[in-house]
Amino acid sequence: MMLMNMEFPLDREIMTTVRLATGGICSLAGFGLDASEDCKVCITESLLLLLHAGCKRAKLGFFREEGLRIELLGEGGVPSEEKTTEEEISVALLTALVDGLSIESTAGGTRISFAFKDAE
């Protein structure tokens, strides 16, 4: 079941608003404070990855499925073969905190999806 879907220009100024919305969604999903904070960190790191890929817009969807599934799609940009240290740290954080991380880059954009299985 879809809880929320949003689309926005991808810039650092809107990231605080997206974090606040994520906190609200986590509350609706029954997440405790720690899981909610982890989710907000993962959204931020995912958006930073999209920014680094040169994406200009983002679509973000939250789905209630045995926890919370999150899908991000960055539009535009060009995937780079070389990853920066900051990108590697973002991927390491995501890998440590989520289930089923998937990052796919094409000439049209970048898709990131992951899940949080345990609502507290």
C-alpha atoms as a PDB file:
ATOM      1  CA  MET A   1       0.000   0.000   0.000  1.00  0.00           C
ATOM      2  CA  MET A   2       1.382   3.394  -0.965  1.00  0.00           C
ATOM      3  CA  LEU A   3       1.659   5.777   1.976  1.00  0.00           C
ATOM      4  CA  MET A   4       3.043   8.793   0.143  1.00  0.00           C
ATOM      5  CA  ASN A   5       4.526   9.761  -3.189  1.00  0.00           C
ATOM      6  CA  MET A   6       6.281  13.047  -3.868  1.00  0.00           C
ATOM      7  CA  GLU A   7       8.241  14.691  -6.629  1.00  0.00           C
ATOM      8  CA  PHE A   8      10.538  17.676  -6.192  1.00  0.00           C
ATOM      9  CA  PRO A   9      13.523  19.532  -7.636  1.00  0.00           C
ATOM     10  CA  LEU A  10      16.697  17.983  -6.317  1.00  0.00           C
ATOM     11  CA  ASP A  11      18.608  20.570  -4.357  1.00  0.00           C
ATOM     12  CA  ARG A  12      19.995  20.766  -0.843  1.00  0.00           C
ATOM     13  CA  GLU A  13      17.453  23.369   0.296  1.00  0.00           C
ATOM     14  CA  ILE A  14      14.526  20.963   0.021  1.00  0.00           C
ATOM     15  CA  MET A  15      16.254  18.081   1.819  1.00  0.00           C
ATOM     16  CA  THR A  16      15.152  19.307   5.268  1.00  0.00           C
ATOM     17  CA  THR A  17      11.520  19.265   4.138  1.00  0.00           C
ATOM     18  CA  VAL A  18      11.935  15.739   2.773  1.00  0.00           C
ATOM     19  CA  ARG A  19      13.514  14.607   6.081  1.00  0.00           C
ATOM     20  CA  LEU A  20      10.551  16.045   8.017  1.00  0.00           C
ATOM     21  CA  ALA A  21       8.071  14.269   5.740  1.00  0.00           C
ATOM     22  CA  THR A  22      10.042  11.042   6.181  1.00  0.00           C
ATOM     23  CA  GLY A  23       9.750  11.358   9.956  1.00  0.00           C
ATOM     24  CA  GLY A  24       5.976  11.664   9.621  1.00  0.00           C
ATOM     25  CA  ILE A  25       5.777   8.605   7.381  1.00  0.00           C
ATOM     26  CA  CYS A  26       7.895   6.599   9.829  1.00  0.00           C
ATOM     27  CA  SER A  27       5.505   7.568  12.604  1.00  0.00           C
ATOM     28  CA  LEU A  28       2.528   6.377  10.526  1.00  0.00           C
ATOM     29  CA  ALA A  29       4.363   3.107   9.883  1.00  0.00           C
ATOM     30  CA  GLY A  30       4.823   2.572  13.633  1.00  0.00           C
ATOM     31  CA  PHE A  31       8.580   3.046  13.733  1.00  0.00           C
ATOM     32  CA  GLY A  32      10.263   4.005  16.991  1.00  0.00           C
ATOM     33  CA  LEU A  33      12.704   6.886  17.326  1.00  0.00           C
ATOM     34  CA  ASP A  34      15.859   4.920  16.403  1.00  0.00           C
ATOM     35  CA  ALA A  35      14.338   3.326  13.296  1.00  0.00           C
ATOM     36  CA  SER A  36      12.864   6.674  12.256  1.00  0.00           C
ATOM     37  CA  GLU A  37      16.256   8.380  12.575  1.00  0.00           C
ATOM     38  CA  ASP A  38      17.914   5.582  10.584  1.00  0.00           C
ATOM     39  CA  CYS A  39      15.311   5.986   7.860  1.00  0.00           C
ATOM     40  CA  LYS A  40      15.843   9.762   7.698  1.00  0.00           C
ATOM     41  CA  VAL A  41      19.611   9.230   7.420  1.00  0.00           C
ATOM     42  CA  CYS A  42      19.058   6.777   4.561  1.00  0.00           C
ATOM     43  CA  ILE A  43      16.781   9.188   2.707  1.00  0.00           C
ATOM     44  CA  THR A  44      19.379  11.952   3.073  1.00  0.00           C
ATOM     45  CA  GLU A  45      22.233   9.725   1.903  1.00  0.00           C
ATOM     46  CA  SER A  46      20.153   8.532  -1.058  1.00  0.00           C
ATOM     47  CA  LEU A  47      19.356  12.095  -2.078  1.00  0.00           C
ATOM     48  CA  LEU A  48      23.056  12.975  -1.826  1.00  0.00           C
ATOM     49  CA  LEU A  49      23.858  10.049  -4.135  1.00  0.00           C
ATOM     50  CA  LEU A  50      21.315  11.375  -6.636  1.00  0.00           C
ATOM     51  CA  LEU A  51      22.817  14.861  -6.401  1.00  0.00           C
ATOM     52  CA  HIS A  52      26.304  13.447  -7.029  1.00  0.00           C
ATOM     53  CA  ALA A  53      24.960  11.639 -10.085  1.00  0.00           C
ATOM     54  CA  GLY A  54      23.843  15.014 -11.452  1.00  0.00           C
ATOM     55  CA  CYS A  55      20.112  14.344 -11.163  1.00  0.00           C
ATOM     56  CA  LYS A  56      17.906  17.441 -11.376  1.00  0.00           C
ATOM     57  CA  ARG A  57      14.603  16.065 -10.025  1.00  0.00           C
ATOM     58  CA  ALA A  58      13.635  13.272  -7.661  1.00  0.00           C
ATOM     59  CA  LYS A  59      10.588  11.102  -7.129  1.00  0.00           C
ATOM     60  CA  LEU A  60      10.208   9.487  -3.714  1.00  0.00           C
ATOM     61  CA  GLY A  61       7.688   6.820  -2.793  1.00  0.00           C
ATOM     62  CA  PHE A  62       6.933   5.201   0.561  1.00  0.00           C
ATOM     63  CA  PHE A  63       5.155   1.840   0.564  1.00  0.00           C
ATOM     64  CA  ARG A  64       3.800  -0.140   3.535  1.00  0.00           C
ATOM     65  CA  GLU A  65       4.876  -3.751   2.950  1.00  0.00           C
ATOM     66  CA  GLU A  66       6.059  -5.826   5.945  1.00  0.00           C
ATOM     67  CA  GLY A  67       7.717  -2.679   7.232  1.00  0.00           C
ATOM     68  CA  LEU A  68       8.471   0.193   4.926  1.00  0.00           C
ATOM     69  CA  ARG A  69       9.755   0.057   1.347  1.00  0.00           C
ATOM     70  CA  ILE A  70      11.236   3.221  -0.138  1.00  0.00           C
ATOM     71  CA  GLU A  71      11.891   3.985  -3.791  1.00  0.00           C
ATOM     72  CA  LEU A  72      13.763   7.009  -5.110  1.00  0.00           C
ATOM     73  CA  LEU A  73      14.199   7.928  -8.746  1.00  0.00           C
ATOM     74  CA  GLY A  74      16.583  10.683  -9.758  1.00  0.00           C
ATOM     75  CA  GLU A  75      15.931  12.061 -13.217  1.00  0.00           C
ATOM     76  CA  GLY A  76      18.675  13.268 -15.511  1.00  0.00           C
ATOM     77  CA  GLY A  77      22.343  13.205 -14.760  1.00  0.00           C
ATOM     78  CA  VAL A  78      25.061  10.957 -16.047  1.00  0.00           C
ATOM     79  CA  PRO A  79      26.263   7.969 -14.041  1.00  0.00           C
ATOM     80  CA  SER A  80      29.981   8.065 -13.268  1.00  0.00           C
ATOM     81  CA  GLU A  81      32.202   5.018 -13.259  1.00  0.00           C
ATOM     82  CA  GLU A  82      34.414   6.486 -10.525  1.00  0.00           C
ATOM     83  CA  LYS A  83      32.889   6.873  -7.075  1.00  0.00           C
ATOM     84  CA  THR A  84      33.970   9.596  -4.692  1.00  0.00           C
ATOM     85  CA  THR A  85      34.802   8.854  -1.070  1.00  0.00           C
ATOM     86  CA  GLU A  86      31.566  10.601  -0.063  1.00  0.00           C
ATOM     87  CA  GLU A  87      29.541   8.342  -2.363  1.00  0.00           C
ATOM     88  CA  GLU A  88      31.270   5.247  -0.994  1.00  0.00           C
ATOM     89  CA  ILE A  89      30.431   6.350   2.560  1.00  0.00           C
ATOM     90  CA  SER A  90      26.787   6.925   1.580  1.00  0.00           C
ATOM     91  CA  VAL A  91      26.547   3.440   0.068  1.00  0.00           C
ATOM     92  CA  ALA A  92      28.233   1.899   3.134  1.00  0.00           C
ATOM     93  CA  LEU A  93      25.728   3.618   5.454  1.00  0.00           C
ATOM     94  CA  LEU A  94      22.797   2.465   3.353  1.00  0.00           C
ATOM     95  CA  THR A  95      24.125  -1.086   3.219  1.00  0.00           C
ATOM     96  CA  ALA A  96      24.499  -1.174   6.999  1.00  0.00           C
ATOM     97  CA  LEU A  97      21.047   0.228   7.796  1.00  0.00           C
ATOM     98  CA  VAL A  98      18.594  -1.172   5.240  1.00  0.00           C
ATOM     99  CA  ASP A  99      17.365  -4.426   3.750  1.00  0.00           C
ATOM    100  CA  GLY A 100      17.518  -5.150   0.036  1.00  0.00           C
ATOM    101  CA  LEU A 101      19.460  -2.120  -1.170  1.00  0.00           C
ATOM    102  CA  SER A 102      19.345  -1.683  -4.932  1.00  0.00           C
ATOM    103  CA  ILE A 103      21.074   1.123  -6.836  1.00  0.00           C
ATOM    104  CA  GLU A 104      20.667   1.198 -10.612  1.00  0.00           C
ATOM    105  CA  SER A 105      22.094   3.939 -12.819  1.00  0.00           C
ATOM    106  CA  THR A 106      21.278   4.484 -16.482  1.00  0.00           C
ATOM    107  CA  ALA A 107      21.677   7.353 -18.908  1.00  0.00           C
ATOM    108  CA  GLY A 108      18.178   8.565 -17.908  1.00  0.00           C
ATOM    109  CA  GLY A 109      18.681   8.614 -14.161  1.00  0.00           C
ATOM    110  CA  THR A 110      19.337   6.648 -11.002  1.00  0.00           C
ATOM    111  CA  ARG A 111      16.935   4.425  -9.054  1.00  0.00           C
ATOM    112  CA  ILE A 112      17.550   3.594  -5.396  1.00  0.00           C
ATOM    113  CA  SER A 113      15.289   1.269  -3.424  1.00  0.00           C
ATOM    114  CA  PHE A 114      15.468  -0.312   0.000  1.00  0.00           C
ATOM    115  CA  ALA A 115      13.338  -1.506   2.887  1.00  0.00           C
ATOM    116  CA  PHE A 116      13.107  -1.328   6.637  1.00  0.00           C
ATOM    117  CA  LYS A 117      11.571  -4.591   7.838  1.00  0.00           C
ATOM    118  CA  ASP A 118      11.276  -3.924  11.536  1.00  0.00           C
ATOM    119  CA  ALA A 119       8.743  -1.410  12.721  1.00  0.00           C
ATOM    120  CA  GLU A 120       9.266  -1.011  16.463  1.00  0.00           C
END
